[in-house]
Amino acid sequence: MIYEERRTLTHAKSAADYLEYCQTGLWSGLKAEGGQPLCLLSGLIGDPPNQYLQVTEFEDAQAWEAAQNSVPPSPHDMVASESVRLTKSIASRPKTQVPKEDQRAVYGCRRFLINPADLPDFVNSSQNGIWPRIESQGARILGLWSTVAVTQPMEILLLTGYRSPTHWEETRVTSSQQTSVDEELRQQESPLRNRRLDISLKTWVRLMQAHWD
């Protein structure tokens, strides 16, 4: 599978129109060409509300290329700027489809820069260290991706769902809510979390609102 990460900044007054365009037109066009939209997010904290992030799954690069020839571009009167890049899944997520019980209202869009040589350690630290603990608190990992091209440093995208910004705060390792987490999960997480911190050259996060069909 290959994934398109599309970042779209609409004109300030066109944010609602663009959302409607995606939900009523774009998604059906993508699905007709074999694409599977995984999520559509808009800025909540850290990005403006007219900044959108959409991730779409394709079977392979050829399927993605075919869709480019069939699905029309975003309406020019709505969009101020747009960028696209191809990514690949590097962990057990995303699932092929996001079940209703996994869908959340708010997503942490976290990006990391790492040395490509540290990728296996990064994935292991995330998947076997941090994820079990935060999912025990009701969060849900949507996916973990890297760019298709190998660069130095390599950028990683992690999308994690939460019920609200408050729920996101409660899952922070420094939160007082951690006292209610299973001690075995906390002990399992600690060394792997430290390892991920060590190999992350840079990381930053935005909170985004989810728009489900």
N, C-alpha and C. Protein backbone atom coordinates (compact mmCIF):
# COMPACT_ATOMS: atom_id res chain seq x y z
N MET A 1 0.83 -1.19 0.00
CA MET A 1 0.00 0.00 0.00
C MET A 1 0.88 1.26 0.00
N ILE A 2 0.31 2.31 -0.58
CA ILE A 2 1.00 3.60 -0.56
C ILE A 2 -0.03 4.64 -0.14
N TYR A 3 0.42 5.70 0.50
CA TYR A 3 -0.48 6.68 1.08
C TYR A 3 -0.13 8.08 0.58
N GLU A 4 -1.17 8.80 0.16
CA GLU A 4 -1.00 10.20 -0.21
C GLU A 4 -1.28 11.08 1.00
N GLU A 5 -0.34 11.92 1.34
CA GLU A 5 -0.54 12.92 2.39
C GLU A 5 -0.74 14.27 1.69
N ARG A 6 -1.94 14.79 1.78
CA ARG A 6 -2.29 16.04 1.09
C ARG A 6 -2.57 17.13 2.12
N ARG A 7 -1.82 18.21 2.02
CA ARG A 7 -2.01 19.37 2.89
C ARG A 7 -2.60 20.50 2.06
N THR A 8 -3.75 20.99 2.49
CA THR A 8 -4.48 22.00 1.74
C THR A 8 -4.80 23.18 2.64
N LEU A 9 -4.37 24.36 2.22
CA LEU A 9 -4.73 25.60 2.91
C LEU A 9 -5.78 26.29 2.05
N THR A 10 -6.98 26.40 2.58
CA THR A 10 -8.04 27.05 1.83
C THR A 10 -7.99 28.56 2.08
N HIS A 11 -8.69 29.29 1.25
CA HIS A 11 -8.93 30.69 1.57
C HIS A 11 -9.76 30.74 2.85
N ALA A 12 -9.56 31.76 3.64
CA ALA A 12 -10.17 31.81 4.97
C ALA A 12 -11.69 31.61 4.94
N LYS A 13 -12.35 32.16 3.93
CA LYS A 13 -13.81 32.08 3.86
C LYS A 13 -14.29 30.82 3.15
N SER A 14 -13.35 29.98 2.71
CA SER A 14 -13.74 28.80 1.93
C SER A 14 -13.57 27.49 2.68
N ALA A 15 -13.25 27.54 3.96
CA ALA A 15 -12.98 26.31 4.70
C ALA A 15 -14.19 25.38 4.71
N ALA A 16 -15.38 25.90 4.99
CA ALA A 16 -16.58 25.07 5.04
C ALA A 16 -16.93 24.53 3.66
N ASP A 17 -16.73 25.34 2.62
CA ASP A 17 -17.02 24.90 1.26
C ASP A 17 -16.07 23.78 0.85
N TYR A 18 -14.82 23.87 1.24
CA TYR A 18 -13.86 22.83 0.90
C TYR A 18 -14.21 21.52 1.60
N LEU A 19 -14.61 21.61 2.85
CA LEU A 19 -15.01 20.41 3.59
C LEU A 19 -16.19 19.73 2.89
N GLU A 20 -17.17 20.51 2.48
CA GLU A 20 -18.33 19.95 1.78
C GLU A 20 -17.90 19.32 0.45
N TYR A 21 -16.99 19.98 -0.26
CA TYR A 21 -16.48 19.43 -1.52
C TYR A 21 -15.84 18.06 -1.30
N CYS A 22 -15.05 17.93 -0.25
CA CYS A 22 -14.39 16.65 0.04
C CYS A 22 -15.42 15.57 0.34
N GLN A 23 -16.36 15.89 1.21
CA GLN A 23 -17.31 14.88 1.69
C GLN A 23 -18.33 14.49 0.65
N THR A 24 -18.71 15.41 -0.23
CA THR A 24 -19.78 15.11 -1.19
C THR A 24 -19.28 14.83 -2.60
N GLY A 25 -18.02 15.15 -2.90
CA GLY A 25 -17.53 14.96 -4.25
C GLY A 25 -16.20 14.24 -4.35
N LEU A 26 -15.21 14.75 -3.66
CA LEU A 26 -13.86 14.22 -3.79
C LEU A 26 -13.77 12.77 -3.33
N TRP A 27 -14.34 12.46 -2.18
CA TRP A 27 -14.19 11.10 -1.64
C TRP A 27 -14.80 10.06 -2.56
N SER A 28 -15.96 10.35 -3.13
CA SER A 28 -16.57 9.39 -4.04
C SER A 28 -15.73 9.20 -5.29
N GLY A 29 -15.11 10.30 -5.77
CA GLY A 29 -14.23 10.20 -6.92
C GLY A 29 -12.99 9.37 -6.64
N LEU A 30 -12.41 9.55 -5.46
CA LEU A 30 -11.24 8.76 -5.07
C LEU A 30 -11.59 7.28 -4.95
N LYS A 31 -12.72 7.00 -4.31
CA LYS A 31 -13.13 5.61 -4.13
C LYS A 31 -13.39 4.93 -5.47
N ALA A 32 -13.95 5.67 -6.43
CA ALA A 32 -14.21 5.11 -7.76
C ALA A 32 -12.92 4.71 -8.46
N GLU A 33 -11.80 5.36 -8.09
CA GLU A 33 -10.50 5.06 -8.69
C GLU A 33 -9.65 4.16 -7.82
N GLY A 34 -10.24 3.56 -6.79
CA GLY A 34 -9.51 2.63 -5.94
C GLY A 34 -8.85 3.26 -4.74
N GLY A 35 -9.02 4.56 -4.54
CA GLY A 35 -8.47 5.21 -3.36
C GLY A 35 -9.38 5.03 -2.15
N GLN A 36 -8.79 5.03 -0.96
CA GLN A 36 -9.56 4.89 0.27
C GLN A 36 -9.18 6.02 1.22
N PRO A 37 -9.99 7.09 1.30
CA PRO A 37 -9.66 8.16 2.25
C PRO A 37 -9.67 7.63 3.68
N LEU A 38 -8.56 7.82 4.40
CA LEU A 38 -8.46 7.36 5.79
C LEU A 38 -8.92 8.43 6.76
N CYS A 39 -8.56 9.67 6.47
CA CYS A 39 -8.95 10.73 7.40
C CYS A 39 -8.88 12.08 6.70
N LEU A 40 -9.69 12.99 7.19
CA LEU A 40 -9.62 14.40 6.81
C LEU A 40 -9.62 15.19 8.11
N LEU A 41 -8.58 15.96 8.33
CA LEU A 41 -8.39 16.72 9.56
C LEU A 41 -8.24 18.19 9.25
N SER A 42 -8.69 19.03 10.16
CA SER A 42 -8.49 20.48 10.01
C SER A 42 -7.87 21.04 11.27
N GLY A 43 -7.22 22.16 11.13
CA GLY A 43 -6.48 22.75 12.23
C GLY A 43 -7.36 23.08 13.43
N LEU A 44 -6.86 22.79 14.61
CA LEU A 44 -7.57 23.08 15.86
C LEU A 44 -6.68 23.87 16.80
N ILE A 45 -5.50 23.33 17.12
CA ILE A 45 -4.52 24.03 17.94
C ILE A 45 -3.15 23.90 17.27
N GLY A 46 -2.58 25.02 16.89
CA GLY A 46 -1.27 25.02 16.24
C GLY A 46 -1.35 25.33 14.76
N ASP A 47 -2.48 25.03 14.12
CA ASP A 47 -2.74 25.34 12.73
C ASP A 47 -4.08 26.06 12.64
N PRO A 48 -4.29 26.91 11.63
CA PRO A 48 -5.57 27.58 11.48
C PRO A 48 -6.65 26.59 11.05
N PRO A 49 -7.93 26.90 11.27
CA PRO A 49 -9.01 25.98 10.93
C PRO A 49 -9.17 25.74 9.43
N ASN A 50 -8.56 26.57 8.61
CA ASN A 50 -8.63 26.37 7.16
C ASN A 50 -7.41 25.61 6.62
N GLN A 51 -6.63 25.01 7.52
CA GLN A 51 -5.54 24.12 7.13
C GLN A 51 -6.03 22.69 7.25
N TYR A 52 -6.03 21.96 6.14
CA TYR A 52 -6.53 20.58 6.11
C TYR A 52 -5.39 19.60 5.86
N LEU A 53 -5.54 18.42 6.43
CA LEU A 53 -4.64 17.29 6.17
C LEU A 53 -5.50 16.10 5.82
N GLN A 54 -5.24 15.51 4.65
CA GLN A 54 -5.99 14.33 4.23
C GLN A 54 -5.01 13.22 3.87
N VAL A 55 -5.29 12.02 4.37
CA VAL A 55 -4.48 10.85 4.06
C VAL A 55 -5.37 9.87 3.30
N THR A 56 -4.89 9.43 2.12
CA THR A 56 -5.64 8.51 1.27
C THR A 56 -4.77 7.32 0.92
N GLU A 57 -5.35 6.13 1.04
CA GLU A 57 -4.63 4.88 0.77
C GLU A 57 -4.87 4.43 -0.67
N PHE A 58 -3.79 4.00 -1.33
CA PHE A 58 -3.86 3.40 -2.67
C PHE A 58 -3.12 2.07 -2.65
N GLU A 59 -3.51 1.19 -3.56
CA GLU A 59 -2.88 -0.12 -3.60
C GLU A 59 -1.39 -0.02 -3.90
N ASP A 60 -1.01 0.86 -4.81
CA ASP A 60 0.39 1.03 -5.18
C ASP A 60 0.54 2.37 -5.90
N ALA A 61 1.78 2.68 -6.32
CA ALA A 61 2.05 3.96 -6.99
C ALA A 61 1.30 4.07 -8.31
N GLN A 62 1.11 2.95 -9.00
CA GLN A 62 0.40 2.97 -10.27
C GLN A 62 -1.06 3.37 -10.07
N ALA A 63 -1.67 2.85 -9.00
CA ALA A 63 -3.06 3.21 -8.70
C ALA A 63 -3.16 4.70 -8.36
N TRP A 64 -2.18 5.18 -7.62
CA TRP A 64 -2.16 6.61 -7.29
C TRP A 64 -2.02 7.45 -8.55
N GLU A 65 -1.12 7.05 -9.45
CA GLU A 65 -0.93 7.80 -10.69
C GLU A 65 -2.20 7.80 -11.53
N ALA A 66 -2.90 6.67 -11.59
CA ALA A 66 -4.14 6.59 -12.35
C ALA A 66 -5.17 7.57 -11.81
N ALA A 67 -5.23 7.69 -10.48
CA ALA A 67 -6.19 8.60 -9.87
C ALA A 67 -5.89 10.05 -10.22
N GLN A 68 -4.60 10.37 -10.41
CA GLN A 68 -4.24 11.75 -10.75
C GLN A 68 -4.80 12.15 -12.10
N ASN A 69 -4.97 11.17 -12.96
CA ASN A 69 -5.48 11.45 -14.30
C ASN A 69 -7.01 11.47 -14.36
N SER A 70 -7.65 11.00 -13.28
CA SER A 70 -9.11 10.88 -13.31
C SER A 70 -9.81 11.82 -12.33
N VAL A 71 -9.20 12.07 -11.19
CA VAL A 71 -9.83 12.91 -10.17
C VAL A 71 -9.41 14.36 -10.41
N PRO A 72 -10.37 15.26 -10.59
CA PRO A 72 -10.02 16.66 -10.87
C PRO A 72 -9.29 17.31 -9.71
N PRO A 73 -8.50 18.34 -9.97
CA PRO A 73 -7.80 19.05 -8.89
C PRO A 73 -8.79 19.79 -7.99
N SER A 74 -8.32 20.19 -6.85
CA SER A 74 -9.15 20.96 -5.93
C SER A 74 -9.60 22.26 -6.60
N PRO A 75 -10.81 22.72 -6.29
CA PRO A 75 -11.31 23.96 -6.89
C PRO A 75 -10.39 25.15 -6.61
N HIS A 76 -9.98 25.82 -7.65
CA HIS A 76 -8.97 26.88 -7.48
C HIS A 76 -9.53 28.06 -6.69
N ASP A 77 -10.85 28.27 -6.72
CA ASP A 77 -11.41 29.41 -6.01
C ASP A 77 -11.52 29.16 -4.51
N MET A 78 -11.29 27.91 -4.07
CA MET A 78 -11.33 27.59 -2.65
C MET A 78 -9.94 27.50 -2.03
N VAL A 79 -8.93 27.15 -2.83
CA VAL A 79 -7.64 26.74 -2.30
C VAL A 79 -6.57 27.82 -2.49
N ALA A 80 -5.89 28.15 -1.40
CA ALA A 80 -4.78 29.10 -1.47
C ALA A 80 -3.48 28.40 -1.83
N SER A 81 -3.26 27.22 -1.28
CA SER A 81 -2.05 26.44 -1.59
C SER A 81 -2.30 24.99 -1.24
N GLU A 82 -1.52 24.11 -1.87
CA GLU A 82 -1.71 22.68 -1.67
C GLU A 82 -0.39 21.97 -1.95
N SER A 83 -0.10 20.94 -1.15
CA SER A 83 1.10 20.14 -1.39
C SER A 83 0.76 18.68 -1.14
N VAL A 84 1.43 17.80 -1.88
CA VAL A 84 1.18 16.36 -1.79
C VAL A 84 2.51 15.63 -1.75
N ARG A 85 2.57 14.57 -0.95
CA ARG A 85 3.71 13.67 -1.00
C ARG A 85 3.24 12.25 -0.71
N LEU A 86 4.01 11.30 -1.19
CA LEU A 86 3.68 9.90 -0.99
C LEU A 86 4.43 9.37 0.22
N THR A 87 3.72 8.58 1.03
CA THR A 87 4.29 8.01 2.23
C THR A 87 4.00 6.51 2.26
N LYS A 88 4.67 5.83 3.18
CA LYS A 88 4.45 4.39 3.35
C LYS A 88 4.26 4.09 4.83
N SER A 89 3.43 3.08 5.10
CA SER A 89 3.22 2.66 6.47
C SER A 89 4.46 1.93 6.98
N ILE A 90 4.84 2.20 8.23
CA ILE A 90 6.04 1.58 8.78
C ILE A 90 5.75 0.80 10.06
N ALA A 91 4.46 0.61 10.37
CA ALA A 91 4.10 -0.11 11.60
C ALA A 91 2.81 -0.89 11.35
N SER A 92 2.21 -1.38 12.43
CA SER A 92 0.99 -2.18 12.32
C SER A 92 -0.25 -1.33 12.04
N ARG A 93 -0.13 -0.04 12.09
CA ARG A 93 -1.21 0.87 11.75
C ARG A 93 -0.73 1.71 10.58
N PRO A 94 -1.64 2.13 9.69
CA PRO A 94 -3.09 2.13 9.84
C PRO A 94 -3.74 0.81 9.48
N LYS A 95 -4.93 0.62 10.00
CA LYS A 95 -5.78 -0.46 9.54
C LYS A 95 -6.30 -0.10 8.15
N THR A 96 -6.71 -1.11 7.38
CA THR A 96 -7.19 -0.85 6.03
C THR A 96 -8.36 0.12 6.05
N GLN A 97 -9.27 -0.05 6.98
CA GLN A 97 -10.34 0.90 7.21
C GLN A 97 -10.39 1.21 8.70
N VAL A 98 -10.79 2.43 9.02
CA VAL A 98 -10.85 2.84 10.42
C VAL A 98 -12.24 2.49 10.95
N PRO A 99 -12.37 1.50 11.84
CA PRO A 99 -13.69 1.15 12.37
C PRO A 99 -14.26 2.28 13.21
N LYS A 100 -15.58 2.32 13.28
CA LYS A 100 -16.25 3.40 14.01
C LYS A 100 -15.73 3.51 15.44
N GLU A 101 -15.48 2.35 16.07
CA GLU A 101 -15.05 2.39 17.47
C GLU A 101 -13.65 2.98 17.64
N ASP A 102 -12.89 3.05 16.56
CA ASP A 102 -11.55 3.65 16.63
C ASP A 102 -11.55 5.13 16.29
N GLN A 103 -12.63 5.65 15.74
CA GLN A 103 -12.67 7.04 15.32
C GLN A 103 -12.72 7.96 16.53
N ARG A 104 -11.97 9.04 16.46
CA ARG A 104 -11.92 10.01 17.54
C ARG A 104 -12.18 11.42 16.98
N ALA A 105 -12.54 12.33 17.85
CA ALA A 105 -12.89 13.69 17.43
C ALA A 105 -11.67 14.56 17.17
N VAL A 106 -10.57 14.28 17.87
CA VAL A 106 -9.37 15.11 17.81
C VAL A 106 -8.17 14.22 17.54
N TYR A 107 -7.24 14.71 16.71
CA TYR A 107 -6.03 13.94 16.40
C TYR A 107 -4.79 14.77 16.67
N GLY A 108 -3.84 14.10 17.33
CA GLY A 108 -2.51 14.67 17.45
C GLY A 108 -1.74 14.34 16.19
N CYS A 109 -1.34 15.37 15.47
CA CYS A 109 -0.54 15.21 14.26
C CYS A 109 0.90 15.52 14.65
N ARG A 110 1.66 14.47 14.94
CA ARG A 110 3.03 14.66 15.42
C ARG A 110 4.02 14.25 14.34
N ARG A 111 4.99 15.09 14.13
CA ARG A 111 6.05 14.81 13.15
C ARG A 111 7.38 14.69 13.87
N PHE A 112 8.21 13.81 13.37
CA PHE A 112 9.54 13.57 13.92
C PHE A 112 10.56 13.66 12.79
N LEU A 113 11.75 14.09 13.12
CA LEU A 113 12.91 13.95 12.24
C LEU A 113 13.88 13.00 12.92
N ILE A 114 14.28 11.95 12.19
CA ILE A 114 15.20 10.96 12.75
C ILE A 114 16.24 10.58 11.71
N ASN A 115 17.30 9.94 12.17
CA ASN A 115 18.28 9.33 11.28
C ASN A 115 17.64 8.05 10.71
N PRO A 116 17.63 7.84 9.39
CA PRO A 116 17.01 6.64 8.83
C PRO A 116 17.54 5.34 9.45
N ALA A 117 18.78 5.33 9.90
CA ALA A 117 19.34 4.12 10.51
C ALA A 117 18.63 3.77 11.81
N ASP A 118 17.95 4.75 12.43
CA ASP A 118 17.27 4.51 13.70
C ASP A 118 15.80 4.13 13.51
N LEU A 119 15.36 3.94 12.28
CA LEU A 119 13.94 3.68 12.04
C LEU A 119 13.43 2.43 12.76
N PRO A 120 14.12 1.28 12.71
CA PRO A 120 13.60 0.10 13.44
C PRO A 120 13.42 0.37 14.94
N ASP A 121 14.39 1.04 15.56
CA ASP A 121 14.27 1.37 16.99
C ASP A 121 13.10 2.32 17.24
N PHE A 122 12.91 3.26 16.34
CA PHE A 122 11.83 4.23 16.49
C PHE A 122 10.48 3.53 16.46
N VAL A 123 10.30 2.64 15.48
CA VAL A 123 9.03 1.92 15.35
C VAL A 123 8.79 1.03 16.56
N ASN A 124 9.81 0.29 16.99
CA ASN A 124 9.67 -0.58 18.15
C ASN A 124 9.32 0.21 19.40
N SER A 125 9.99 1.33 19.60
CA SER A 125 9.74 2.15 20.79
C SER A 125 8.31 2.67 20.80
N SER A 126 7.81 3.04 19.63
CA SER A 126 6.44 3.56 19.54
C SER A 126 5.43 2.44 19.72
N GLN A 127 5.57 1.41 18.92
CA GLN A 127 4.55 0.36 18.83
C GLN A 127 4.48 -0.51 20.07
N ASN A 128 5.61 -0.80 20.66
CA ASN A 128 5.65 -1.72 21.81
C ASN A 128 5.86 -1.02 23.15
N GLY A 129 6.14 0.28 23.10
CA GLY A 129 6.38 1.01 24.33
C GLY A 129 5.28 2.00 24.66
N ILE A 130 5.10 2.97 23.78
CA ILE A 130 4.20 4.09 24.07
C ILE A 130 2.75 3.78 23.74
N TRP A 131 2.51 3.14 22.61
CA TRP A 131 1.14 2.92 22.17
C TRP A 131 0.29 2.10 23.15
N PRO A 132 0.79 1.00 23.70
CA PRO A 132 -0.08 0.23 24.62
C PRO A 132 -0.57 1.05 25.80
N ARG A 133 0.30 1.90 26.33
CA ARG A 133 -0.09 2.69 27.49
C ARG A 133 -1.15 3.74 27.12
N ILE A 134 -0.94 4.50 26.04
CA ILE A 134 -1.92 5.55 25.73
C ILE A 134 -3.23 4.95 25.22
N GLU A 135 -3.17 3.78 24.56
CA GLU A 135 -4.42 3.17 24.13
C GLU A 135 -5.20 2.61 25.31
N SER A 136 -4.50 2.24 26.38
CA SER A 136 -5.20 1.80 27.59
C SER A 136 -5.98 2.96 28.21
N GLN A 137 -5.63 4.18 27.84
CA GLN A 137 -6.32 5.37 28.32
C GLN A 137 -7.37 5.87 27.34
N GLY A 138 -7.64 5.11 26.29
CA GLY A 138 -8.72 5.46 25.37
C GLY A 138 -8.28 6.15 24.09
N ALA A 139 -6.99 6.41 23.93
CA ALA A 139 -6.51 6.95 22.66
C ALA A 139 -6.47 5.83 21.62
N ARG A 140 -6.41 6.19 20.33
CA ARG A 140 -6.32 5.20 19.27
C ARG A 140 -5.32 5.68 18.21
N ILE A 141 -4.32 4.85 17.94
CA ILE A 141 -3.34 5.17 16.91
C ILE A 141 -3.99 4.99 15.55
N LEU A 142 -3.96 6.03 14.74
CA LEU A 142 -4.48 5.91 13.38
C LEU A 142 -3.41 5.35 12.44
N GLY A 143 -2.18 5.87 12.53
CA GLY A 143 -1.14 5.35 11.66
C GLY A 143 0.21 5.98 11.92
N LEU A 144 1.23 5.32 11.38
CA LEU A 144 2.61 5.79 11.45
C LEU A 144 3.21 5.63 10.06
N TRP A 145 3.73 6.72 9.51
CA TRP A 145 4.23 6.72 8.14
C TRP A 145 5.60 7.38 8.06
N SER A 146 6.35 6.99 7.04
CA SER A 146 7.56 7.71 6.66
C SER A 146 7.42 8.11 5.20
N THR A 147 8.25 9.04 4.79
CA THR A 147 8.27 9.41 3.38
C THR A 147 8.76 8.22 2.56
N VAL A 148 8.26 8.12 1.33
CA VAL A 148 8.72 7.05 0.44
C VAL A 148 10.20 7.22 0.13
N ALA A 149 10.61 8.44 -0.16
CA ALA A 149 12.01 8.71 -0.42
C ALA A 149 12.80 8.68 0.89
N VAL A 150 13.97 8.08 0.85
CA VAL A 150 14.85 8.05 2.02
C VAL A 150 15.69 9.32 2.01
N THR A 151 15.53 10.14 3.03
CA THR A 151 16.27 11.39 3.14
C THR A 151 17.02 11.42 4.46
N GLN A 152 17.93 12.34 4.57
CA GLN A 152 18.69 12.53 5.81
C GLN A 152 18.51 13.97 6.27
N PRO A 153 17.75 14.22 7.35
CA PRO A 153 17.06 13.23 8.16
C PRO A 153 15.76 12.78 7.50
N MET A 154 15.11 11.77 8.08
CA MET A 154 13.85 11.24 7.59
C MET A 154 12.71 11.80 8.44
N GLU A 155 11.63 12.17 7.76
CA GLU A 155 10.47 12.67 8.50
C GLU A 155 9.45 11.55 8.71
N ILE A 156 8.92 11.48 9.92
CA ILE A 156 7.91 10.49 10.32
C ILE A 156 6.63 11.23 10.69
N LEU A 157 5.49 10.68 10.28
CA LEU A 157 4.19 11.24 10.65
C LEU A 157 3.45 10.24 11.52
N LEU A 158 2.97 10.69 12.67
CA LEU A 158 2.18 9.88 13.59
C LEU A 158 0.85 10.58 13.83
N LEU A 159 -0.27 9.86 13.61
CA LEU A 159 -1.59 10.39 13.89
C LEU A 159 -2.24 9.55 14.98
N THR A 160 -2.61 10.21 16.07
CA THR A 160 -3.21 9.54 17.22
C THR A 160 -4.50 10.25 17.59
N GLY A 161 -5.57 9.45 17.77
CA GLY A 161 -6.88 10.02 18.05
C GLY A 161 -7.20 10.11 19.53
N TYR A 162 -7.88 11.21 19.90
CA TYR A 162 -8.30 11.47 21.27
C TYR A 162 -9.75 11.97 21.26
N ARG A 163 -10.40 11.88 22.39
CA ARG A 163 -11.78 12.34 22.48
C ARG A 163 -11.89 13.86 22.49
N SER A 164 -10.85 14.53 22.97
CA SER A 164 -10.87 15.98 23.12
C SER A 164 -9.45 16.46 23.41
N PRO A 165 -9.21 17.78 23.34
CA PRO A 165 -7.90 18.28 23.78
C PRO A 165 -7.58 17.93 25.23
N THR A 166 -8.61 17.91 26.08
CA THR A 166 -8.39 17.53 27.49
C THR A 166 -7.94 16.08 27.59
N HIS A 167 -8.55 15.21 26.79
CA HIS A 167 -8.14 13.81 26.78
C HIS A 167 -6.68 13.69 26.34
N TRP A 168 -6.27 14.46 25.34
CA TRP A 168 -4.87 14.47 24.91
C TRP A 168 -3.96 14.83 26.08
N GLU A 169 -4.32 15.86 26.84
CA GLU A 169 -3.51 16.28 27.98
C GLU A 169 -3.42 15.17 29.02
N GLU A 170 -4.51 14.45 29.23
CA GLU A 170 -4.53 13.40 30.24
C GLU A 170 -3.61 12.23 29.90
N THR A 171 -3.31 12.03 28.61
CA THR A 171 -2.44 10.93 28.21
C THR A 171 -0.96 11.31 28.22
N ARG A 172 -0.66 12.57 28.52
CA ARG A 172 0.76 12.97 28.59
C ARG A 172 1.41 12.24 29.76
N VAL A 173 2.66 11.86 29.59
CA VAL A 173 3.33 11.06 30.62
C VAL A 173 3.51 11.85 31.91
N THR A 174 3.43 13.18 31.82
CA THR A 174 3.57 14.02 33.02
C THR A 174 2.24 14.30 33.70
N SER A 175 1.14 13.80 33.14
CA SER A 175 -0.19 14.08 33.69
C SER A 175 -0.41 13.32 34.99
N SER A 176 -1.21 13.91 35.88
CA SER A 176 -1.57 13.23 37.13
C SER A 176 -2.42 11.99 36.86
N GLN A 177 -3.01 11.89 35.66
CA GLN A 177 -3.84 10.75 35.30
C GLN A 177 -3.02 9.45 35.18
N GLN A 178 -1.70 9.58 35.08
CA GLN A 178 -0.86 8.39 34.91
C GLN A 178 -0.89 7.47 36.13
N THR A 179 -1.32 7.98 37.26
CA THR A 179 -1.35 7.13 38.46
C THR A 179 -2.39 6.02 38.35
N SER A 180 -3.36 6.18 37.44
CA SER A 180 -4.39 5.16 37.27
C SER A 180 -4.05 4.14 36.18
N VAL A 181 -2.90 4.32 35.51
CA VAL A 181 -2.49 3.42 34.44
C VAL A 181 -1.83 2.17 35.03
N ASP A 182 -2.06 1.03 34.41
CA ASP A 182 -1.46 -0.22 34.84
C ASP A 182 0.05 -0.08 34.98
N GLU A 183 0.57 -0.47 36.12
CA GLU A 183 1.99 -0.28 36.41
C GLU A 183 2.88 -1.05 35.44
N GLU A 184 2.44 -2.22 35.02
CA GLU A 184 3.24 -3.01 34.07
C GLU A 184 3.38 -2.28 32.74
N LEU A 185 2.32 -1.62 32.28
CA LEU A 185 2.39 -0.85 31.04
C LEU A 185 3.34 0.34 31.20
N ARG A 186 3.31 0.96 32.35
CA ARG A 186 4.19 2.11 32.59
C ARG A 186 5.65 1.68 32.60
N GLN A 187 5.93 0.54 33.23
CA GLN A 187 7.31 0.05 33.28
C GLN A 187 7.79 -0.40 31.89
N GLN A 188 6.88 -0.98 31.13
CA GLN A 188 7.21 -1.39 29.76
C GLN A 188 7.51 -0.18 28.89
N GLU A 189 6.78 0.90 29.11
CA GLU A 189 6.92 2.09 28.28
C GLU A 189 8.19 2.87 28.57
N SER A 190 8.56 2.99 29.81
CA SER A 190 9.58 3.96 30.22
C SER A 190 10.88 3.87 29.44
N PRO A 191 11.56 2.72 29.34
CA PRO A 191 12.83 2.69 28.61
C PRO A 191 12.66 2.93 27.11
N LEU A 192 11.52 2.47 26.56
CA LEU A 192 11.31 2.65 25.13
C LEU A 192 10.96 4.10 24.81
N ARG A 193 10.23 4.76 25.70
CA ARG A 193 9.96 6.19 25.52
C ARG A 193 11.27 6.97 25.56
N ASN A 194 12.15 6.64 26.50
CA ASN A 194 13.43 7.33 26.57
C ASN A 194 14.26 7.09 25.32
N ARG A 195 14.18 5.86 24.78
CA ARG A 195 14.91 5.56 23.56
C ARG A 195 14.38 6.40 22.40
N ARG A 196 13.07 6.54 22.29
CA ARG A 196 12.51 7.33 21.20
C ARG A 196 12.89 8.80 21.34
N LEU A 197 12.92 9.28 22.56
CA LEU A 197 13.38 10.66 22.78
C LEU A 197 14.83 10.84 22.33
N ASP A 198 15.66 9.85 22.64
CA ASP A 198 17.08 9.93 22.30
C ASP A 198 17.31 9.99 20.78
N ILE A 199 16.52 9.24 20.03
CA ILE A 199 16.78 9.16 18.58
C ILE A 199 15.96 10.16 17.77
N SER A 200 15.09 10.92 18.44
CA SER A 200 14.33 11.96 17.74
C SER A 200 15.16 13.23 17.68
N LEU A 201 15.54 13.61 16.47
CA LEU A 201 16.33 14.83 16.30
C LEU A 201 15.48 16.08 16.52
N LYS A 202 14.19 15.96 16.17
CA LYS A 202 13.25 17.06 16.35
C LYS A 202 11.85 16.48 16.30
N THR A 203 10.94 17.05 17.09
CA THR A 203 9.55 16.63 17.02
C THR A 203 8.65 17.81 17.33
N TRP A 204 7.48 17.83 16.69
CA TRP A 204 6.50 18.89 16.94
C TRP A 204 5.11 18.32 16.70
N VAL A 205 4.11 18.93 17.33
CA VAL A 205 2.76 18.38 17.29
C VAL A 205 1.74 19.48 17.07
N ARG A 206 0.68 19.15 16.37
CA ARG A 206 -0.49 19.99 16.20
C ARG A 206 -1.72 19.16 16.57
N LEU A 207 -2.74 19.77 17.13
CA LEU A 207 -4.00 19.10 17.36
C LEU A 207 -4.96 19.50 16.25
N MET A 208 -5.64 18.48 15.69
CA MET A 208 -6.51 18.71 14.54
C MET A 208 -7.87 18.07 14.78
N GLN A 209 -8.90 18.66 14.20
CA GLN A 209 -10.26 18.17 14.31
C GLN A 209 -10.55 17.19 13.18
N ALA A 210 -11.19 16.07 13.51
CA ALA A 210 -11.50 15.06 12.50
C ALA A 210 -12.86 15.32 11.88
N HIS A 211 -12.96 14.99 10.58
CA HIS A 211 -14.22 15.10 9.86
C HIS A 211 -14.48 13.75 9.21
N TRP A 212 -15.41 12.98 9.79
CA TRP A 212 -15.73 11.64 9.30
C TRP A 212 -16.95 11.69 8.41
N ASP A 213 -17.03 10.75 7.47
CA ASP A 213 -18.21 10.72 6.60
C ASP A 213 -19.38 10.00 7.28
